[in-house]
PDB file of all heavy atoms in Angstrom:
ATOM      1  N   SER A   1       0.829  -1.196  -0.006  1.00  0.00           N
ATOM      2  CA  SER A   1       0.012   0.045   0.016  1.00  0.00           C
ATOM      3  C   SER A   1       0.942   1.318   0.007  1.00  0.00           C
ATOM      4  O   SER A   1       0.458   2.350  -0.619  1.00  0.00           O
ATOM      5  CB  SER A   1      -0.878   0.028   1.281  1.00  0.00           C
ATOM      6  OG  SER A   1      -0.197   0.097   2.505  1.00  0.00           O
ATOM      7  N   LYS A   2       2.108   1.229   0.735  1.00  0.00           N
ATOM      8  CA  LYS A   2       2.950   2.349   0.667  1.00  0.00           C
ATOM      9  C   LYS A   2       3.485   2.630  -0.772  1.00  0.00           C
ATOM     10  O   LYS A   2       3.652   3.794  -1.133  1.00  0.00           O
ATOM     11  CB  LYS A   2       3.922   2.226   1.710  1.00  0.00           C
ATOM     12  CG  LYS A   2       3.552   2.362   3.142  1.00  0.00           C
ATOM     13  CD  LYS A   2       4.589   2.149   4.217  1.00  0.00           C
ATOM     14  CE  LYS A   2       4.186   2.303   5.531  1.00  0.00           C
ATOM     15  NZ  LYS A   2       5.289   2.091   6.552  1.00  0.00           N
ATOM     16  N   ILE A   3       3.851   1.482  -1.410  1.00  0.00           N
ATOM     17  CA  ILE A   3       4.510   1.602  -2.727  1.00  0.00           C
ATOM     18  C   ILE A   3       3.385   2.215  -3.682  1.00  0.00           C
ATOM     19  O   ILE A   3       3.666   3.054  -4.559  1.00  0.00           O
ATOM     20  CB  ILE A   3       5.002   0.296  -3.228  1.00  0.00           C
ATOM     21  CG1 ILE A   3       6.109  -0.183  -2.433  1.00  0.00           C
ATOM     22  CG2 ILE A   3       5.282   0.322  -4.708  1.00  0.00           C
ATOM     23  CD1 ILE A   3       6.618  -1.575  -2.751  1.00  0.00           C
ATOM     24  N   GLN A   4       2.066   1.707  -3.550  1.00  0.00           N
ATOM     25  CA  GLN A   4       1.074   2.140  -4.429  1.00  0.00           C
ATOM     26  C   GLN A   4       0.769   3.680  -4.137  1.00  0.00           C
ATOM     27  O   GLN A   4       0.282   4.449  -4.951  1.00  0.00           O
ATOM     28  CB  GLN A   4      -0.156   1.361  -4.320  1.00  0.00           C
ATOM     29  CG  GLN A   4       0.046  -0.072  -4.878  1.00  0.00           C
ATOM     30  CD  GLN A   4      -1.360  -0.686  -4.965  1.00  0.00           C
ATOM     31  OE1 GLN A   4      -2.247  -0.557  -4.168  1.00  0.00           O
ATOM     32  NE2 GLN A   4      -1.512  -1.752  -5.940  1.00  0.00           N
ATOM     33  N   LYS A   5       0.876   4.051  -2.860  1.00  0.00           N
ATOM     34  CA  LYS A   5       0.578   5.485  -2.484  1.00  0.00           C
ATOM     35  C   LYS A   5       1.664   6.362  -3.243  1.00  0.00           C
ATOM     36  O   LYS A   5       1.332   7.443  -3.842  1.00  0.00           O
ATOM     37  CB  LYS A   5       0.670   5.746  -0.991  1.00  0.00           C
ATOM     38  CG  LYS A   5       0.396   7.098  -0.539  1.00  0.00           C
ATOM     39  CD  LYS A   5       0.872   7.371   0.865  1.00  0.00           C
ATOM     40  CE  LYS A   5       0.800   8.791   1.184  1.00  0.00           C
ATOM     41  NZ  LYS A   5       1.296   9.094   2.436  1.00  0.00           N
ATOM     42  N   GLU A   6       2.960   5.936  -3.192  1.00  0.00           N
ATOM     43  CA  GLU A   6       3.963   6.703  -3.824  1.00  0.00           C
ATOM     44  C   GLU A   6       3.643   6.772  -5.372  1.00  0.00           C
ATOM     45  O   GLU A   6       4.001   7.726  -6.004  1.00  0.00           O
ATOM     46  CB  GLU A   6       5.285   6.128  -3.484  1.00  0.00           C
ATOM     47  CG  GLU A   6       5.737   6.190  -2.125  1.00  0.00           C
ATOM     48  CD  GLU A   6       7.063   5.482  -1.864  1.00  0.00           C
ATOM     49  OE1 GLU A   6       7.594   4.946  -2.769  1.00  0.00           O
ATOM     50  OE2 GLU A   6       7.531   5.528  -0.734  1.00  0.00           O
ATOM     51  N   ALA A   7       3.042   5.755  -5.861  1.00  0.00           N
ATOM     52  CA  ALA A   7       2.743   5.712  -7.330  1.00  0.00           C
ATOM     53  C   ALA A   7       1.378   6.331  -7.653  1.00  0.00           C
ATOM     54  O   ALA A   7       0.951   6.240  -8.787  1.00  0.00           O
ATOM     55  CB  ALA A   7       2.889   4.301  -7.913  1.00  0.00           C
ATOM     56  N   ALA A   8       0.874   6.907  -6.588  1.00  0.00           N
ATOM     57  CA  ALA A   8      -0.565   7.564  -6.732  1.00  0.00           C
ATOM     58  C   ALA A   8      -1.498   6.568  -7.155  1.00  0.00           C
ATOM     59  O   ALA A   8      -2.572   6.971  -7.575  1.00  0.00           O
ATOM     60  CB  ALA A   8      -0.457   8.644  -7.686  1.00  0.00           C
ATOM     61  N   ALA A   9      -1.382   5.248  -6.842  1.00  0.00           N
ATOM     62  CA  ALA A   9      -2.332   4.243  -7.155  1.00  0.00           C
ATOM     63  C   ALA A   9      -3.286   3.923  -5.887  1.00  0.00           C
ATOM     64  O   ALA A   9      -4.256   3.272  -5.926  1.00  0.00           O
ATOM     65  CB  ALA A   9      -1.670   2.910  -7.561  1.00  0.00           C
ATOM     66  N   ALA A  10      -2.838   4.442  -4.645  1.00  0.00           N
ATOM     67  CA  ALA A  10      -3.621   4.273  -3.400  1.00  0.00           C
ATOM     68  C   ALA A  10      -3.536   5.625  -2.566  1.00  0.00           C
ATOM     69  O   ALA A  10      -2.593   6.368  -2.866  1.00  0.00           O
ATOM     70  CB  ALA A  10      -3.002   3.134  -2.790  1.00  0.00           C
ATOM     71  N   THR A  11      -4.272   5.591  -1.596  1.00  0.00           N
ATOM     72  CA  THR A  11      -4.337   6.813  -0.853  1.00  0.00           C
ATOM     73  C   THR A  11      -3.750   6.535   0.517  1.00  0.00           C
ATOM     74  O   THR A  11      -3.479   5.407   0.952  1.00  0.00           O
ATOM     75  CB  THR A  11      -5.816   7.304  -0.583  1.00  0.00           C
ATOM     76  OG1 THR A  11      -6.524   6.224   0.142  1.00  0.00           O
ATOM     77  CG2 THR A  11      -6.580   7.481  -1.908  1.00  0.00           C
ATOM     78  N   GLU A  12      -3.656   7.664   1.343  1.00  0.00           N
ATOM     79  CA  GLU A  12      -3.079   7.573   2.753  1.00  0.00           C
ATOM     80  C   GLU A  12      -4.090   6.790   3.657  1.00  0.00           C
ATOM     81  O   GLU A  12      -3.709   6.086   4.579  1.00  0.00           O
ATOM     82  CB  GLU A  12      -2.960   8.913   3.347  1.00  0.00           C
ATOM     83  CG  GLU A  12      -2.389   9.011   4.694  1.00  0.00           C
ATOM     84  CD  GLU A  12      -0.922   8.497   4.918  1.00  0.00           C
ATOM     85  OE1 GLU A  12      -0.253   8.441   3.880  1.00  0.00           O
ATOM     86  OE2 GLU A  12      -0.435   8.263   5.955  1.00  0.00           O
ATOM     87  N   LEU A  13      -5.430   6.813   3.220  1.00  0.00           N
ATOM     88  CA  LEU A  13      -6.374   5.993   3.965  1.00  0.00           C
ATOM     89  C   LEU A  13      -6.117   4.488   3.847  1.00  0.00           C
ATOM     90  O   LEU A  13      -6.127   3.834   4.874  1.00  0.00           O
ATOM     91  CB  LEU A  13      -7.723   6.278   3.350  1.00  0.00           C
ATOM     92  CG  LEU A  13      -8.955   5.610   4.042  1.00  0.00           C
ATOM     93  CD1 LEU A  13      -9.003   5.924   5.604  1.00  0.00           C
ATOM     94  CD2 LEU A  13     -10.304   5.947   3.303  1.00  0.00           C
ATOM     95  N   ALA A  14      -5.735   3.951   2.727  1.00  0.00           N
ATOM     96  CA  ALA A  14      -5.367   2.650   2.623  1.00  0.00           C
ATOM     97  C   ALA A  14      -4.171   2.167   3.585  1.00  0.00           C
ATOM     98  O   ALA A  14      -4.158   1.147   4.267  1.00  0.00           O
ATOM     99  CB  ALA A  14      -5.102   2.281   1.209  1.00  0.00           C
ATOM    100  N   VAL A  15      -3.205   3.129   3.508  1.00  0.00           N
ATOM    101  CA  VAL A  15      -1.927   2.862   4.347  1.00  0.00           C
ATOM    102  C   VAL A  15      -2.297   2.747   5.908  1.00  0.00           C
ATOM    103  O   VAL A  15      -1.968   1.866   6.564  1.00  0.00           O
ATOM    104  CB  VAL A  15      -0.890   3.979   4.154  1.00  0.00           C
ATOM    105  CG1 VAL A  15       0.236   3.783   4.988  1.00  0.00           C
ATOM    106  CG2 VAL A  15      -0.410   3.939   2.715  1.00  0.00           C
ATOM    107  N   LYS A  16      -3.162   3.717   6.342  1.00  0.00           N
ATOM    108  CA  LYS A  16      -3.581   3.767   7.729  1.00  0.00           C
ATOM    109  C   LYS A  16      -4.381   2.562   8.021  1.00  0.00           C
ATOM    110  O   LYS A  16      -4.258   2.005   9.289  1.00  0.00           O
ATOM    111  CB  LYS A  16      -4.406   5.072   8.004  1.00  0.00           C
ATOM    112  CG  LYS A  16      -3.481   6.272   7.872  1.00  0.00           C
ATOM    113  CD  LYS A  16      -2.212   6.227   8.892  1.00  0.00           C
ATOM    114  CE  LYS A  16      -1.324   7.416   8.746  1.00  0.00           C
ATOM    115  NZ  LYS A  16      -0.212   7.346   9.601  1.00  0.00           N
ATOM    116  N   LYS A  17      -5.254   2.158   7.229  1.00  0.00           N
ATOM    117  CA  LYS A  17      -6.105   0.945   7.390  1.00  0.00           C
ATOM    118  C   LYS A  17      -5.271  -0.328   7.644  1.00  0.00           C
ATOM    119  O   LYS A  17      -5.451  -1.214   8.493  1.00  0.00           O
ATOM    120  CB  LYS A  17      -7.081   0.758   6.300  1.00  0.00           C
ATOM    121  CG  LYS A  17      -8.276   1.642   6.355  1.00  0.00           C
ATOM    122  CD  LYS A  17      -9.303   1.205   7.391  1.00  0.00           C
ATOM    123  CE  LYS A  17     -10.512   1.960   7.376  1.00  0.00           C
ATOM    124  NZ  LYS A  17     -11.531   1.517   8.463  1.00  0.00           N
ATOM    125  N   PHE A  18      -4.125  -0.538   6.809  1.00  0.00           N
ATOM    126  CA  PHE A  18      -3.357  -1.601   6.931  1.00  0.00           C
ATOM    127  C   PHE A  18      -2.435  -1.483   8.157  1.00  0.00           C
ATOM    128  O   PHE A  18      -2.089  -2.520   8.783  1.00  0.00           O
ATOM    129  CB  PHE A  18      -2.445  -1.704   5.644  1.00  0.00           C
ATOM    130  CG  PHE A  18      -3.132  -2.287   4.483  1.00  0.00           C
ATOM    131  CD1 PHE A  18      -3.369  -1.641   3.354  1.00  0.00           C
ATOM    132  CD2 PHE A  18      -3.539  -3.652   4.561  1.00  0.00           C
ATOM    133  CE1 PHE A  18      -4.042  -2.284   2.259  1.00  0.00           C
ATOM    134  CE2 PHE A  18      -4.170  -4.263   3.493  1.00  0.00           C
ATOM    135  CZ  PHE A  18      -4.526  -3.576   2.358  1.00  0.00           C
ATOM    136  N   GLU A  19      -2.018  -0.300   8.554  1.00  0.00           N
ATOM    137  CA  GLU A  19      -1.290  -0.113   9.758  1.00  0.00           C
ATOM    138  C   GLU A  19      -2.160  -0.476  11.006  1.00  0.00           C
ATOM    139  O   GLU A  19      -1.678  -1.102  11.916  1.00  0.00           O
ATOM    140  CB  GLU A  19      -0.826   1.354   9.916  1.00  0.00           C
ATOM    141  CG  GLU A  19       0.323   1.664   9.017  1.00  0.00           C
ATOM    142  CD  GLU A  19       0.667   3.136   9.105  1.00  0.00           C
ATOM    143  OE1 GLU A  19      -0.001   3.929   9.771  1.00  0.00           O
ATOM    144  OE2 GLU A  19       1.770   3.574   8.505  1.00  0.00           O
ATOM    145  N   ALA A  20      -3.427  -0.083  10.965  1.00  0.00           N
ATOM    146  CA  ALA A  20      -4.352  -0.442  12.058  1.00  0.00           C
ATOM    147  C   ALA A  20      -4.599  -1.948  12.183  1.00  0.00           C
ATOM    148  O   ALA A  20      -4.493  -2.553  13.250  1.00  0.00           O
ATOM    149  CB  ALA A  20      -5.759   0.283  11.928  1.00  0.00           C
ATOM    150  N   GLU A  21      -4.727  -2.544  10.963  1.00  0.00           N
ATOM    151  CA  GLU A  21      -4.965  -4.093  11.010  1.00  0.00           C
ATOM    152  C   GLU A  21      -3.641  -4.858  11.421  1.00  0.00           C
ATOM    153  O   GLU A  21      -3.717  -5.838  12.216  1.00  0.00           O
ATOM    154  CB  GLU A  21      -5.178  -4.518   9.646  1.00  0.00           C
ATOM    155  CG  GLU A  21      -5.720  -5.953   9.561  1.00  0.00           C
ATOM    156  CD  GLU A  21      -7.190  -6.080  10.262  1.00  0.00           C
ATOM    157  OE1 GLU A  21      -7.913  -5.150  10.386  1.00  0.00           O
ATOM    158  OE2 GLU A  21      -7.484  -7.293  10.462  1.00  0.00           O
ATOM    159  N   LEU A  22      -2.464  -4.160  11.158  1.00  0.00           N
ATOM    160  CA  LEU A  22      -1.194  -4.898  11.641  1.00  0.00           C
ATOM    161  C   LEU A  22      -1.115  -4.725  13.199  1.00  0.00           C
ATOM    162  O   LEU A  22      -0.721  -5.684  13.838  1.00  0.00           O
ATOM    163  CB  LEU A  22      -0.104  -4.176  11.001  1.00  0.00           C
ATOM    164  CG  LEU A  22       1.366  -4.636  11.406  1.00  0.00           C
ATOM    165  CD1 LEU A  22       1.511  -6.084  11.125  1.00  0.00           C
ATOM    166  CD2 LEU A  22       2.485  -3.805  10.676  1.00  0.00           C
ATOM    167  N   ALA A  23      -1.430  -3.563  13.784  1.00  0.00           N
ATOM    168  CA  ALA A  23      -1.309  -3.398  15.218  1.00  0.00           C
ATOM    169  C   ALA A  23      -2.356  -4.264  15.871  1.00  0.00           C
ATOM    170  O   ALA A  23      -2.139  -4.918  16.966  1.00  0.00           O
ATOM    171  CB  ALA A  23      -1.637  -1.860  15.512  1.00  0.00           C
ATOM    172  N   LYS A  24      -3.567  -4.429  15.296  1.00  0.00           N
ATOM    173  CA  LYS A  24      -4.582  -5.320  15.936  1.00  0.00           C
ATOM    174  C   LYS A  24      -4.144  -6.734  15.884  1.00  0.00           C
ATOM    175  O   LYS A  24      -4.246  -7.451  16.934  1.00  0.00           O
ATOM    176  CB  LYS A  24      -5.885  -5.255  14.987  1.00  0.00           C
ATOM    177  CG  LYS A  24      -6.959  -6.077  15.594  1.00  0.00           C
ATOM    178  CD  LYS A  24      -8.133  -5.884  14.672  1.00  0.00           C
ATOM    179  CE  LYS A  24      -9.332  -6.911  15.239  1.00  0.00           C
ATOM    180  NZ  LYS A  24     -10.606  -6.818  14.358  1.00  0.00           N
ATOM    181  N   SER A  25      -3.468  -7.329  14.979  1.00  0.00           N
ATOM    182  CA  SER A  25      -3.075  -8.629  14.852  1.00  0.00           C
ATOM    183  C   SER A  25      -1.829  -8.840  15.828  1.00  0.00           C
ATOM    184  O   SER A  25      -1.840  -9.839  16.516  1.00  0.00           O
ATOM    185  CB  SER A  25      -2.574  -8.954  13.454  1.00  0.00           C
ATOM    186  OG  SER A  25      -1.447  -8.244  13.018  1.00  0.00           O
ATOM    187  N   LYS A  26      -1.008  -7.884  15.974  1.00  0.00           N
ATOM    188  CA  LYS A  26       0.137  -8.033  17.034  1.00  0.00           C
ATOM    189  C   LYS A  26      -0.516  -7.989  18.440  1.00  0.00           C
ATOM    190  O   LYS A  26       0.007  -8.682  19.257  1.00  0.00           O
ATOM    191  CB  LYS A  26       0.956  -6.763  16.832  1.00  0.00           C
ATOM    192  CG  LYS A  26       1.918  -6.906  15.580  1.00  0.00           C
ATOM    193  CD  LYS A  26       2.950  -5.770  15.674  1.00  0.00           C
ATOM    194  CE  LYS A  26       3.810  -5.930  14.363  1.00  0.00           C
ATOM    195  NZ  LYS A  26       4.813  -4.691  14.280  1.00  0.00           N
ATOM    196  N   ALA A  27      -1.558  -7.236  18.747  1.00  0.00           N
ATOM    197  CA  ALA A  27      -2.247  -7.217  19.945  1.00  0.00           C
ATOM    198  C   ALA A  27      -2.803  -8.559  20.237  1.00  0.00           C
ATOM    199  O   ALA A  27      -2.721  -9.158  21.412  1.00  0.00           O
ATOM    200  CB  ALA A  27      -3.282  -6.173  20.107  1.00  0.00           C
ATOM    201  N   SER A  28      -3.415  -9.234  19.248  1.00  0.00           N
ATOM    202  CA  SER A  28      -4.020 -10.489  19.473  1.00  0.00           C
ATOM    203  C   SER A  28      -3.057 -11.536  19.809  1.00  0.00           C
ATOM    204  O   SER A  28      -3.274 -12.526  20.566  1.00  0.00           O
ATOM    205  CB  SER A  28      -4.826 -10.912  18.161  1.00  0.00           C
ATOM    206  OG  SER A  28      -5.751 -10.022  17.906  1.00  0.00           O
ATOM    207  N   GLU A  29      -1.784 -11.327  19.262  1.00  0.00           N
ATOM    208  CA  GLU A  29      -0.762 -12.407  19.568  1.00  0.00           C
ATOM    209  C   GLU A  29      -0.393 -12.440  21.080  1.00  0.00           C
ATOM    210  O   GLU A  29      -0.295 -13.451  21.732  1.00  0.00           O
ATOM    211  CB  GLU A  29       0.489 -11.962  18.793  1.00  0.00           C
ATOM    212  CG  GLU A  29       1.661 -12.884  19.025  1.00  0.00           C
ATOM    213  CD  GLU A  29       2.853 -12.520  18.230  1.00  0.00           C
ATOM    214  OE1 GLU A  29       2.730 -11.856  17.050  1.00  0.00           O
ATOM    215  OE2 GLU A  29       3.960 -12.897  18.609  1.00  0.00           O
ATOM    216  N   PHE A  30      -0.447 -11.189  21.767  1.00  0.00           N
ATOM    217  CA  PHE A  30      -0.150 -11.123  23.171  1.00  0.00           C
ATOM    218  C   PHE A  30      -1.260 -11.769  24.020  1.00  0.00           C
ATOM    219  O   PHE A  30      -1.048 -12.399  25.055  1.00  0.00           O
ATOM    220  CB  PHE A  30       0.191  -9.705  23.556  1.00  0.00           C
ATOM    221  CG  PHE A  30       1.477  -9.241  23.116  1.00  0.00           C
ATOM    222  CD1 PHE A  30       1.617  -8.391  22.036  1.00  0.00           C
ATOM    223  CD2 PHE A  30       2.722  -9.698  23.692  1.00  0.00           C
ATOM    224  CE1 PHE A  30       2.836  -8.026  21.492  1.00  0.00           C
ATOM    225  CE2 PHE A  30       3.917  -9.219  23.244  1.00  0.00           C
ATOM    226  CZ  PHE A  30       4.031  -8.431  22.087  1.00  0.00           C
ATOM    227  N   THR A  31      -2.453 -11.578  23.546  1.00  0.00           N
ATOM    228  CA  THR A  31      -3.670 -12.258  24.196  1.00  0.00           C
ATOM    229  C   THR A  31      -3.611 -13.708  24.148  1.00  0.00           C
ATOM    230  O   THR A  31      -3.749 -14.324  25.249  1.00  0.00           O
ATOM    231  CB  THR A  31      -4.992 -11.773  23.543  1.00  0.00           C
ATOM    232  OG1 THR A  31      -5.023 -10.339  23.511  1.00  0.00           O
ATOM    233  CG2 THR A  31      -6.153 -12.416  24.258  1.00  0.00           C
ATOM    234  N   ILE A  32      -3.246 -14.131  23.153  1.00  0.00           N
ATOM    235  CA  ILE A  32      -3.131 -15.657  22.849  1.00  0.00           C
ATOM    236  C   ILE A  32      -1.915 -16.130  23.841  1.00  0.00           C
ATOM    237  O   ILE A  32      -1.958 -17.350  24.489  1.00  0.00           O
ATOM    238  CB  ILE A  32      -2.949 -16.125  21.528  1.00  0.00           C
ATOM    239  CG1 ILE A  32      -4.278 -15.779  20.717  1.00  0.00           C
ATOM    240  CG2 ILE A  32      -2.643 -17.583  21.374  1.00  0.00           C
ATOM    241  CD1 ILE A  32      -4.155 -16.130  19.247  1.00  0.00           C
TER     242      ILE A  32
END
């Protein structure tokens, strides 16, 4: 998503959504 943003093929919103999902998955790891 970051590469596509630089190429103007994606927006900052897509980058933030993927960052949020990554943080959520890392948090789930500690719960388990």
